[in-house]
Amino acid sequence: MMATEEDNLTRQVEEIEALAAIYGDEWCVVDEVSRIFCIAVTEGSEKNTRKVCLQVMLPAEYPSSECPIYQINAPWLREKERMEFSERLLQVCQENTGECMVHLLIESIRESLIMTQDVDSHIDLLPDQLTVITQNLPDTQIQEDFETPEIHHGDAFTERRSTFQAHFAHVYTPSQVKEVIKKLYQNRKIANASHNIVAYRIFCEDRGTFIQDCDDDGETAAGGRVLHLLQILDLKNVLMVVSRWYGGILLGPDRFKHINNSARNLIQQLGLINSKTENSKAKKSKAKKTR
């Protein structure tokens, strides 16, 4: 390892320790090995809170000669405001080359948020996705005084700077779907993900039908693919959420493979895939190929 790389790593470690001390639980480690981190920057009153999620990756050449690779996520931002945010961040990078600057990027976003307080849009503390995925759920089968179902988390893995992690729970009512999603979003790391793809299936014993739905959360067509996975595995009363932290490199169609593999690996880890289901799936696949 070259001396400059050793120096960069030392400075990165010191900067990360300082950021963790300054921002506490708001500072999240997405992938320590790949040096990917995120933070949600919020401003405004309780009734009108605006949030921008900043994700940064620290390359080996940072801070001596390279800037952090960063991405901002805020669905409420209009195109003009997004460009203004990006221009201010670019200015921070240009003016501080050779210096540790993540703190300056965070505070630049905070200043930009303050400057946009007069924009007449409102962002809830919970993401819009939660409203979208649950607004049409029927109120049938609601149980009172239930505990939030146990949530199982898969192993996170990184592929070309994008990190994926699956989360699973057994759910039996629409209310439990809402509770699990709320619980997941209490985790700042998950709440700051670029995408949280949702799919669920609830079997109604009395009617012999399924309540099922999915949400892409900006990752077009991903929710339907995860739901299809639950369908072909014939899983009932399940909720799957796959988080993706985008790292700046477009993965193309491979992203769907990683999303589904993340979900499938967790299902398999929990022992929910049996040989009967696997054999049935293999026969159907073979039949399609022979047509």
C-alpha atoms as a PDB file:
ATOM      1  CA  MET A   1       0.000   0.000   0.000  1.00  0.00           C
ATOM      2  CA  MET A   2       1.399   3.370  -0.976  1.00  0.00           C
ATOM      3  CA  ALA A   3       2.107   5.938   1.720  1.00  0.00           C
ATOM      4  CA  THR A   4      -0.554   8.283   0.327  1.00  0.00           C
ATOM      5  CA  GLU A   5      -3.171   5.513   0.535  1.00  0.00           C
ATOM      6  CA  GLU A   6      -2.209   4.804   4.132  1.00  0.00           C
ATOM      7  CA  ASP A   7      -2.486   8.488   4.910  1.00  0.00           C
ATOM      8  CA  ASN A   8      -5.865   8.685   3.175  1.00  0.00           C
ATOM      9  CA  LEU A   9      -7.180   5.709   5.144  1.00  0.00           C
ATOM     10  CA  THR A  10      -5.982   7.229   8.414  1.00  0.00           C
ATOM     11  CA  ARG A  11      -7.654  10.528   7.606  1.00  0.00           C
ATOM     12  CA  GLN A  12     -10.854   8.748   6.578  1.00  0.00           C
ATOM     13  CA  VAL A  13     -10.984   6.814   9.862  1.00  0.00           C
ATOM     14  CA  GLU A  14     -10.459  10.010  11.843  1.00  0.00           C
ATOM     15  CA  GLU A  15     -13.155  11.806   9.838  1.00  0.00           C
ATOM     16  CA  ILE A  16     -15.667   8.977  10.285  1.00  0.00           C
ATOM     17  CA  GLU A  17     -15.052   8.913  14.033  1.00  0.00           C
ATOM     18  CA  ALA A  18     -15.621  12.672  14.174  1.00  0.00           C
ATOM     19  CA  LEU A  19     -18.834  12.420  12.120  1.00  0.00           C
ATOM     20  CA  ALA A  20     -20.161   9.645  14.366  1.00  0.00           C
ATOM     21  CA  ALA A  21     -19.434  11.812  17.414  1.00  0.00           C
ATOM     22  CA  ILE A  22     -21.112  14.887  15.882  1.00  0.00           C
ATOM     23  CA  TYR A  23     -24.216  13.259  14.421  1.00  0.00           C
ATOM     24  CA  GLY A  24     -24.664  10.224  16.664  1.00  0.00           C
ATOM     25  CA  ASP A  25     -27.286   7.736  15.493  1.00  0.00           C
ATOM     26  CA  GLU A  26     -28.064   9.878  12.453  1.00  0.00           C
ATOM     27  CA  TRP A  27     -24.731   8.774  10.930  1.00  0.00           C
ATOM     28  CA  CYS A  28     -25.148   5.253   9.473  1.00  0.00           C
ATOM     29  CA  VAL A  29     -22.634   2.743   8.163  1.00  0.00           C
ATOM     30  CA  VAL A  30     -24.001   1.056   5.028  1.00  0.00           C
ATOM     31  CA  ASP A  31     -20.910  -0.970   4.104  1.00  0.00           C
ATOM     32  CA  GLU A  32     -17.737  -0.445   6.140  1.00  0.00           C
ATOM     33  CA  VAL A  33     -15.530  -2.456   3.788  1.00  0.00           C
ATOM     34  CA  SER A  34     -16.613  -0.448   0.735  1.00  0.00           C
ATOM     35  CA  ARG A  35     -16.559   2.776   2.808  1.00  0.00           C
ATOM     36  CA  ILE A  36     -20.238   3.612   2.137  1.00  0.00           C
ATOM     37  CA  PHE A  37     -22.126   5.762   4.654  1.00  0.00           C
ATOM     38  CA  CYS A  38     -25.386   7.689   4.806  1.00  0.00           C
ATOM     39  CA  ILE A  39     -27.156  10.331   6.867  1.00  0.00           C
ATOM     40  CA  ALA A  40     -30.628  11.880   6.812  1.00  0.00           C
ATOM     41  CA  VAL A  41     -30.442  15.667   7.070  1.00  0.00           C
ATOM     42  CA  THR A  42     -33.688  17.159   8.383  1.00  0.00           C
ATOM     43  CA  GLU A  43     -34.894  20.703   8.911  1.00  0.00           C
ATOM     44  CA  GLY A  44     -38.185  22.395   9.742  1.00  0.00           C
ATOM     45  CA  SER A  45     -40.979  22.166  12.286  1.00  0.00           C
ATOM     46  CA  GLU A  46     -42.594  18.947  13.457  1.00  0.00           C
ATOM     47  CA  LYS A  47     -45.533  19.533  11.109  1.00  0.00           C
ATOM     48  CA  ASN A  48     -43.379  20.552   8.142  1.00  0.00           C
ATOM     49  CA  THR A  49     -40.192  18.524   8.239  1.00  0.00           C
ATOM     50  CA  ARG A  50     -38.052  18.264   5.133  1.00  0.00           C
ATOM     51  CA  LYS A  51     -35.525  15.469   4.755  1.00  0.00           C
ATOM     52  CA  VAL A  52     -32.687  14.833   2.340  1.00  0.00           C
ATOM     53  CA  CYS A  53     -30.764  11.565   2.504  1.00  0.00           C
ATOM     54  CA  LEU A  54     -27.080  11.871   1.657  1.00  0.00           C
ATOM     55  CA  GLN A  55     -25.127   8.749   0.778  1.00  0.00           C
ATOM     56  CA  VAL A  56     -21.356   8.974   0.401  1.00  0.00           C
ATOM     57  CA  MET A  57     -18.666   6.555  -0.681  1.00  0.00           C
ATOM     58  CA  LEU A  58     -15.054   7.330   0.182  1.00  0.00           C
ATOM     59  CA  PRO A  59     -12.667   6.240  -2.612  1.00  0.00           C
ATOM     60  CA  ALA A  60      -9.099   5.195  -1.784  1.00  0.00           C
ATOM     61  CA  GLU A  61      -7.785   8.494  -3.190  1.00  0.00           C
ATOM     62  CA  TYR A  62      -9.938  10.589  -0.832  1.00  0.00           C
ATOM     63  CA  PRO A  63      -9.177  13.100   0.561  1.00  0.00           C
ATOM     64  CA  SER A  64      -5.746  13.690  -0.986  1.00  0.00           C
ATOM     65  CA  SER A  65      -6.822  13.902  -4.633  1.00  0.00           C
ATOM     66  CA  GLU A  66     -10.424  12.710  -4.981  1.00  0.00           C
ATOM     67  CA  CYS A  67     -13.771  13.912  -3.619  1.00  0.00           C
ATOM     68  CA  PRO A  68     -16.362  11.646  -1.997  1.00  0.00           C
ATOM     69  CA  ILE A  69     -18.776   9.963  -4.389  1.00  0.00           C
ATOM     70  CA  TYR A  70     -22.164  11.147  -3.214  1.00  0.00           C
ATOM     71  CA  GLN A  71     -25.868  10.869  -3.982  1.00  0.00           C
ATOM     72  CA  ILE A  72     -28.855  12.756  -2.576  1.00  0.00           C
ATOM     73  CA  ASN A  73     -32.343  11.264  -2.254  1.00  0.00           C
ATOM     74  CA  ALA A  74     -35.422  13.414  -1.624  1.00  0.00           C
ATOM     75  CA  PRO A  75     -38.609  12.593  -3.572  1.00  0.00           C
ATOM     76  CA  TRP A  76     -40.075  16.017  -2.753  1.00  0.00           C
ATOM     77  CA  LEU A  77     -37.284  17.943  -4.483  1.00  0.00           C
ATOM     78  CA  ARG A  78     -38.286  19.659  -7.696  1.00  0.00           C
ATOM     79  CA  GLU A  79     -35.858  19.540 -10.613  1.00  0.00           C
ATOM     80  CA  LYS A  80     -34.774  23.158 -10.140  1.00  0.00           C
ATOM     81  CA  GLU A  81     -34.145  22.651  -6.413  1.00  0.00           C
ATOM     82  CA  ARG A  82     -32.271  19.399  -7.067  1.00  0.00           C
ATOM     83  CA  MET A  83     -29.951  21.201  -9.477  1.00  0.00           C
ATOM     84  CA  GLU A  84     -29.353  23.953  -6.912  1.00  0.00           C
ATOM     85  CA  PHE A  85     -28.497  21.365  -4.241  1.00  0.00           C
ATOM     86  CA  SER A  86     -26.114  19.610  -6.656  1.00  0.00           C
ATOM     87  CA  GLU A  87     -24.415  22.874  -7.643  1.00  0.00           C
ATOM     88  CA  ARG A  88     -23.764  23.775  -3.995  1.00  0.00           C
ATOM     89  CA  LEU A  89     -22.336  20.314  -3.280  1.00  0.00           C
ATOM     90  CA  LEU A  90     -20.115  20.514  -6.350  1.00  0.00           C
ATOM     91  CA  GLN A  91     -18.876  23.904  -5.165  1.00  0.00           C
ATOM     92  CA  VAL A  92     -17.982  22.411  -1.762  1.00  0.00           C
ATOM     93  CA  CYS A  93     -15.946  19.702  -3.510  1.00  0.00           C
ATOM     94  CA  GLN A  94     -14.156  22.149  -5.802  1.00  0.00           C
ATOM     95  CA  GLU A  95     -13.264  24.515  -2.969  1.00  0.00           C
ATOM     96  CA  ASN A  96     -12.023  21.822  -0.562  1.00  0.00           C
ATOM     97  CA  THR A  97     -10.001  19.391  -2.689  1.00  0.00           C
ATOM     98  CA  GLY A  98      -7.361  17.723  -0.534  1.00  0.00           C
ATOM     99  CA  GLU A  99      -9.385  18.244   2.658  1.00  0.00           C
ATOM    100  CA  CYS A 100     -11.906  16.108   4.550  1.00  0.00           C
ATOM    101  CA  MET A 101     -15.233  17.534   3.431  1.00  0.00           C
ATOM    102  CA  VAL A 102     -18.125  15.189   4.336  1.00  0.00           C
ATOM    103  CA  HIS A 103     -19.112  17.452   7.224  1.00  0.00           C
ATOM    104  CA  LEU A 104     -19.168  20.402   4.802  1.00  0.00           C
ATOM    105  CA  LEU A 105     -21.396  18.443   2.387  1.00  0.00           C
ATOM    106  CA  ILE A 106     -23.853  17.672   5.194  1.00  0.00           C
ATOM    107  CA  GLU A 107     -24.000  21.281   6.362  1.00  0.00           C
ATOM    108  CA  SER A 108     -24.358  22.508   2.778  1.00  0.00           C
ATOM    109  CA  ILE A 109     -27.470  20.359   2.476  1.00  0.00           C
ATOM    110  CA  ARG A 110     -28.759  21.723   5.784  1.00  0.00           C
ATOM    111  CA  GLU A 111     -28.285  25.292   4.573  1.00  0.00           C
ATOM    112  CA  SER A 112     -30.069  24.443   1.316  1.00  0.00           C
ATOM    113  CA  LEU A 113     -32.979  22.980   3.285  1.00  0.00           C
ATOM    114  CA  ILE A 114     -33.328  26.171   5.293  1.00  0.00           C
ATOM    115  CA  MET A 115     -33.361  28.160   2.056  1.00  0.00           C
ATOM    116  CA  THR A 116     -36.234  26.059   0.671  1.00  0.00           C
ATOM    117  CA  GLN A 117     -38.510  26.351   3.710  1.00  0.00           C
ATOM    118  CA  ASP A 118     -40.858  28.622   1.780  1.00  0.00           C
ATOM    119  CA  VAL A 119     -41.555  25.930  -0.827  1.00  0.00           C
ATOM    120  CA  ASP A 120     -45.174  24.836  -0.406  1.00  0.00           C
ATOM    121  CA  SER A 121     -44.642  21.098  -0.182  1.00  0.00           C
ATOM    122  CA  HIS A 122     -44.881  18.862   2.859  1.00  0.00           C
ATOM    123  CA  ILE A 123     -42.915  15.778   3.779  1.00  0.00           C
ATOM    124  CA  ASP A 124     -44.048  13.437   6.526  1.00  0.00           C
ATOM    125  CA  LEU A 125     -41.628  11.780   8.908  1.00  0.00           C
ATOM    126  CA  LEU A 126     -42.677   8.454   7.424  1.00  0.00           C
ATOM    127  CA  PRO A 127     -42.027   7.979   3.685  1.00  0.00           C
ATOM    128  CA  ASP A 128     -44.732   8.457   1.047  1.00  0.00           C
ATOM    129  CA  GLN A 129     -44.225   4.806   0.167  1.00  0.00           C
ATOM    130  CA  LEU A 130     -45.903   3.753   3.411  1.00  0.00           C
ATOM    131  CA  THR A 131     -49.062   5.605   2.375  1.00  0.00           C
ATOM    132  CA  VAL A 132     -48.968   4.175  -1.141  1.00  0.00           C
ATOM    133  CA  ILE A 133     -48.519   0.571  -0.060  1.00  0.00           C
ATOM    134  CA  THR A 134     -51.155   0.655   2.680  1.00  0.00           C
ATOM    135  CA  GLN A 135     -53.788   3.182   1.585  1.00  0.00           C
ATOM    136  CA  ASN A 136     -55.935   0.567  -0.181  1.00  0.00           C
ATOM    137  CA  LEU A 137     -55.599  -2.187   2.392  1.00  0.00           C
ATOM    138  CA  PRO A 138     -58.999  -3.335   3.687  1.00  0.00           C
ATOM    139  CA  ASP A 139     -59.768  -3.070   7.381  1.00  0.00           C
ATOM    140  CA  THR A 140     -60.841  -6.705   7.605  1.00  0.00           C
ATOM    141  CA  GLN A 141     -59.031  -9.218   9.808  1.00  0.00           C
ATOM    142  CA  ILE A 142     -57.667  -6.437  12.033  1.00  0.00           C
ATOM    143  CA  GLN A 143     -56.536  -7.724  15.400  1.00  0.00           C
ATOM    144  CA  GLU A 144     -56.351  -5.412  18.369  1.00  0.00           C
ATOM    145  CA  ASP A 145     -53.438  -5.163  20.777  1.00  0.00           C
ATOM    146  CA  PHE A 146     -51.038  -7.317  18.744  1.00  0.00           C
ATOM    147  CA  GLU A 147     -47.293  -7.028  18.946  1.00  0.00           C
ATOM    148  CA  THR A 148     -45.296  -6.100  15.881  1.00  0.00           C
ATOM    149  CA  PRO A 149     -44.323  -9.378  14.145  1.00  0.00           C
ATOM    150  CA  GLU A 150     -40.717 -10.488  14.440  1.00  0.00           C
ATOM    151  CA  ILE A 151     -38.570  -9.105  11.621  1.00  0.00           C
ATOM    152  CA  HIS A 152     -35.746 -11.183  10.168  1.00  0.00           C
ATOM    153  CA  HIS A 153     -32.862  -9.432   8.420  1.00  0.00           C
ATOM    154  CA  GLY A 154     -30.749 -11.052   5.726  1.00  0.00           C
ATOM    155  CA  ASP A 155     -27.034 -10.561   5.239  1.00  0.00           C
ATOM    156  CA  ALA A 156     -26.165  -7.342   3.418  1.00  0.00           C
ATOM    157  CA  PHE A 157     -23.914  -7.662   0.380  1.00  0.00           C
ATOM    158  CA  THR A 158     -22.363  -5.124  -1.968  1.00  0.00           C
ATOM    159  CA  GLU A 159     -22.126  -5.435  -5.743  1.00  0.00           C
ATOM    160  CA  ARG A 160     -20.415  -2.650  -7.724  1.00  0.00           C
ATOM    161  CA  ARG A 161     -20.979  -0.160  -4.883  1.00  0.00           C
ATOM    162  CA  SER A 162     -24.702  -0.951  -4.495  1.00  0.00           C
ATOM    163  CA  THR A 163     -25.606  -2.658  -1.224  1.00  0.00           C
ATOM    164  CA  PHE A 164     -28.624  -4.968  -0.881  1.00  0.00           C
ATOM    165  CA  GLN A 165     -30.344  -6.371   2.215  1.00  0.00           C
ATOM    166  CA  ALA A 166     -33.633  -8.247   2.627  1.00  0.00           C
ATOM    167  CA  HIS A 167     -36.063  -8.042   5.562  1.00  0.00           C
ATOM    168  CA  PHE A 168     -38.843 -10.588   6.199  1.00  0.00           C
ATOM    169  CA  ALA A 169     -41.809 -10.972   8.533  1.00  0.00           C
ATOM    170  CA  HIS A 170     -44.842 -13.240   8.865  1.00  0.00           C
ATOM    171  CA  VAL A 171     -47.980 -11.089   8.634  1.00  0.00           C
ATOM    172  CA  TYR A 172     -51.613 -12.133   8.950  1.00  0.00           C
ATOM    173  CA  THR A 173     -53.461  -8.800   8.777  1.00  0.00           C
ATOM    174  CA  PRO A 174     -53.140  -5.549   6.819  1.00  0.00           C
ATOM    175  CA  SER A 175     -52.452  -3.776  10.104  1.00  0.00           C
ATOM    176  CA  GLN A 176     -49.382  -5.940  10.632  1.00  0.00           C
ATOM    177  CA  VAL A 177     -48.059  -4.938   7.206  1.00  0.00           C
ATOM    178  CA  LYS A 178     -48.281  -1.298   8.285  1.00  0.00           C
ATOM    179  CA  GLU A 179     -46.659  -1.993  11.657  1.00  0.00           C
ATOM    180  CA  VAL A 180     -43.711  -3.895  10.188  1.00  0.00           C
ATOM    181  CA  ILE A 181     -43.001  -1.162   7.616  1.00  0.00           C
ATOM    182  CA  LYS A 182     -43.185   1.500  10.338  1.00  0.00           C
ATOM    183  CA  LYS A 183     -40.824  -0.548  12.491  1.00  0.00           C
ATOM    184  CA  LEU A 184     -38.336  -0.930   9.646  1.00  0.00           C
ATOM    185  CA  TYR A 185     -38.320   2.802   9.000  1.00  0.00           C
ATOM    186  CA  GLN A 186     -37.392   3.457  12.609  1.00  0.00           C
ATOM    187  CA  ASN A 187     -33.972   2.123  11.606  1.00  0.00           C
ATOM    188  CA  ARG A 188     -32.183   5.146  10.142  1.00  0.00           C
ATOM    189  CA  LYS A 189     -30.021   3.040   7.878  1.00  0.00           C
ATOM    190  CA  ILE A 190     -33.079   1.411   6.280  1.00  0.00           C
ATOM    191  CA  ALA A 191     -34.986   4.702   6.135  1.00  0.00           C
ATOM    192  CA  ASN A 192     -32.028   6.246   4.271  1.00  0.00           C
ATOM    193  CA  ALA A 193     -31.876   3.506   1.625  1.00  0.00           C
ATOM    194  CA  SER A 194     -32.201   4.632  -1.983  1.00  0.00           C
ATOM    195  CA  HIS A 195     -35.026   2.127  -2.448  1.00  0.00           C
ATOM    196  CA  ASN A 196     -37.074  -0.077  -0.120  1.00  0.00           C
ATOM    197  CA  ILE A 197     -38.911  -2.546  -2.353  1.00  0.00           C
ATOM    198  CA  VAL A 198     -42.013  -4.082  -0.748  1.00  0.00           C
ATOM    199  CA  ALA A 199     -44.103  -7.164  -1.539  1.00  0.00           C
ATOM    200  CA  TYR A 200     -46.591  -9.062   0.617  1.00  0.00           C
ATOM    201  CA  ARG A 201     -49.178 -11.862   0.438  1.00  0.00           C
ATOM    202  CA  ILE A 202     -51.899 -12.449   3.030  1.00  0.00           C
ATOM    203  CA  PHE A 203     -54.182 -15.486   2.681  1.00  0.00           C
ATOM    204  CA  CYS A 204     -57.817 -14.969   3.721  1.00  0.00           C
ATOM    205  CA  GLU A 205     -58.973 -18.324   5.060  1.00  0.00           C
ATOM    206  CA  ASP A 206     -62.666 -17.377   5.073  1.00  0.00           C
ATOM    207  CA  ARG A 207     -62.686 -16.331   1.421  1.00  0.00           C
ATOM    208  CA  GLY A 208     -59.922 -18.557   0.075  1.00  0.00           C
ATOM    209  CA  THR A 209     -58.277 -15.571  -1.612  1.00  0.00           C
ATOM    210  CA  PHE A 210     -55.107 -13.499  -1.260  1.00  0.00           C
ATOM    211  CA  ILE A 211     -54.617  -9.880  -0.323  1.00  0.00           C
ATOM    212  CA  GLN A 212     -51.355  -9.052  -2.083  1.00  0.00           C
ATOM    213  CA  ASP A 213     -49.561  -5.983  -3.358  1.00  0.00           C
ATOM    214  CA  CYS A 214     -46.110  -4.565  -4.037  1.00  0.00           C
ATOM    215  CA  ASP A 215     -44.290  -1.243  -4.302  1.00  0.00           C
ATOM    216  CA  ASP A 216     -41.180  -0.379  -6.329  1.00  0.00           C
ATOM    217  CA  ASP A 217     -40.162   2.699  -4.271  1.00  0.00           C
ATOM    218  CA  GLY A 218     -38.565   4.162  -7.386  1.00  0.00           C
ATOM    219  CA  GLU A 219     -36.889   0.934  -8.554  1.00  0.00           C
ATOM    220  CA  THR A 220     -39.170   0.358 -11.555  1.00  0.00           C
ATOM    221  CA  ALA A 221     -40.677  -3.159 -11.794  1.00  0.00           C
ATOM    222  CA  ALA A 222     -38.692  -4.465  -8.810  1.00  0.00           C
ATOM    223  CA  GLY A 223     -41.711  -4.837  -6.516  1.00  0.00           C
ATOM    224  CA  GLY A 224     -43.569  -7.008  -9.023  1.00  0.00           C
ATOM    225  CA  ARG A 225     -40.572  -9.291  -9.366  1.00  0.00           C
ATOM    226  CA  VAL A 226     -40.305  -9.809  -5.613  1.00  0.00           C
ATOM    227  CA  LEU A 227     -44.052 -10.480  -5.415  1.00  0.00           C
ATOM    228  CA  HIS A 228     -43.710 -13.003  -8.255  1.00  0.00           C
ATOM    229  CA  LEU A 229     -40.979 -14.753  -6.271  1.00  0.00           C
ATOM    230  CA  LEU A 230     -43.342 -15.068  -3.287  1.00  0.00           C
ATOM    231  CA  GLN A 231     -46.020 -16.421  -5.623  1.00  0.00           C
ATOM    232  CA  ILE A 232     -43.925 -19.098  -7.333  1.00  0.00           C
ATOM    233  CA  LEU A 233     -42.646 -20.247  -3.935  1.00  0.00           C
ATOM    234  CA  ASP A 234     -46.295 -20.395  -2.809  1.00  0.00           C
ATOM    235  CA  LEU A 235     -45.600 -18.421   0.364  1.00  0.00           C
ATOM    236  CA  LYS A 236     -48.558 -17.248   2.442  1.00  0.00           C
ATOM    237  CA  ASN A 237     -48.847 -14.536   5.082  1.00  0.00           C
ATOM    238  CA  VAL A 238     -45.443 -13.041   4.329  1.00  0.00           C
ATOM    239  CA  LEU A 239     -43.979  -9.572   3.895  1.00  0.00           C
ATOM    240  CA  MET A 240     -40.660  -9.021   2.123  1.00  0.00           C
ATOM    241  CA  VAL A 241     -38.770  -5.729   1.962  1.00  0.00           C
ATOM    242  CA  VAL A 242     -35.498  -5.434   0.044  1.00  0.00           C
ATOM    243  CA  SER A 243     -33.373  -2.353   0.718  1.00  0.00           C
ATOM    244  CA  ARG A 244     -30.929  -1.048  -1.855  1.00  0.00           C
ATOM    245  CA  TRP A 245     -28.335   1.627  -1.202  1.00  0.00           C
ATOM    246  CA  TYR A 246     -27.270   2.898  -4.621  1.00  0.00           C
ATOM    247  CA  GLY A 247     -23.540   3.490  -4.915  1.00  0.00           C
ATOM    248  CA  GLY A 248     -23.300   5.550  -8.086  1.00  0.00           C
ATOM    249  CA  ILE A 249     -22.767   2.774 -10.659  1.00  0.00           C
ATOM    250  CA  LEU A 250     -25.714   1.714 -12.837  1.00  0.00           C
ATOM    251  CA  LEU A 251     -26.204  -2.061 -12.632  1.00  0.00           C
ATOM    252  CA  GLY A 252     -28.732  -2.395 -15.453  1.00  0.00           C
ATOM    253  CA  PRO A 253     -30.870  -5.580 -15.410  1.00  0.00           C
ATOM    254  CA  ASP A 254     -28.424  -7.163 -12.928  1.00  0.00           C
ATOM    255  CA  ARG A 255     -30.046  -5.127 -10.140  1.00  0.00           C
ATOM    256  CA  PHE A 256     -33.194  -7.265 -10.391  1.00  0.00           C
ATOM    257  CA  LYS A 257     -31.110 -10.414 -10.006  1.00  0.00           C
ATOM    258  CA  HIS A 258     -29.460  -9.048  -6.871  1.00  0.00           C
ATOM    259  CA  ILE A 259     -32.787  -7.876  -5.402  1.00  0.00           C
ATOM    260  CA  ASN A 260     -34.442 -11.253  -5.949  1.00  0.00           C
ATOM    261  CA  ASN A 261     -31.385 -13.198  -4.795  1.00  0.00           C
ATOM    262  CA  SER A 262     -31.296 -11.123  -1.615  1.00  0.00           C
ATOM    263  CA  ALA A 263     -34.960 -11.979  -0.935  1.00  0.00           C
ATOM    264  CA  ARG A 264     -34.596 -15.634  -1.909  1.00  0.00           C
ATOM    265  CA  ASN A 265     -31.482 -16.192   0.188  1.00  0.00           C
ATOM    266  CA  LEU A 266     -33.259 -14.926   3.294  1.00  0.00           C
ATOM    267  CA  ILE A 267     -36.306 -17.117   2.584  1.00  0.00           C
ATOM    268  CA  GLN A 268     -34.003 -20.106   2.186  1.00  0.00           C
ATOM    269  CA  GLN A 269     -32.070 -19.189   5.332  1.00  0.00           C
ATOM    270  CA  LEU A 270     -35.360 -19.225   7.266  1.00  0.00           C
ATOM    271  CA  GLY A 271     -36.136 -22.713   5.957  1.00  0.00           C
ATOM    272  CA  LEU A 272     -39.233 -21.673   4.005  1.00  0.00           C
ATOM    273  CA  ILE A 273     -38.224 -23.290   0.701  1.00  0.00           C
ATOM    274  CA  ASN A 274     -38.903 -27.019   0.640  1.00  0.00           C
ATOM    275  CA  SER A 275     -37.922 -29.618  -1.917  1.00  0.00           C
ATOM    276  CA  LYS A 276     -41.521 -29.991  -3.109  1.00  0.00           C
ATOM    277  CA  THR A 277     -41.683 -26.329  -4.065  1.00  0.00           C
ATOM    278  CA  GLU A 278     -38.264 -26.515  -5.721  1.00  0.00           C
ATOM    279  CA  ASN A 279     -39.199 -29.614  -7.772  1.00  0.00           C
ATOM    280  CA  SER A 280     -42.477 -28.050  -8.886  1.00  0.00           C
ATOM    281  CA  LYS A 281     -40.674 -24.889  -9.929  1.00  0.00           C
ATOM    282  CA  ALA A 282     -38.063 -26.899 -11.854  1.00  0.00           C
ATOM    283  CA  LYS A 283     -40.754 -28.898 -13.717  1.00  0.00           C
ATOM    284  CA  LYS A 284     -42.607 -25.736 -14.758  1.00  0.00           C
ATOM    285  CA  SER A 285     -39.362 -24.175 -15.955  1.00  0.00           C
ATOM    286  CA  LYS A 286     -38.467 -27.337 -17.935  1.00  0.00           C
ATOM    287  CA  ALA A 287     -41.937 -27.450 -19.495  1.00  0.00           C
ATOM    288  CA  LYS A 288     -41.615 -23.866 -20.722  1.00  0.00           C
ATOM    289  CA  LYS A 289     -38.232 -24.611 -22.340  1.00  0.00           C
ATOM    290  CA  THR A 290     -39.553 -27.649 -24.249  1.00  0.00           C
ATOM    291  CA  ARG A 291     -42.467 -25.723 -25.813  1.00  0.00           C
END
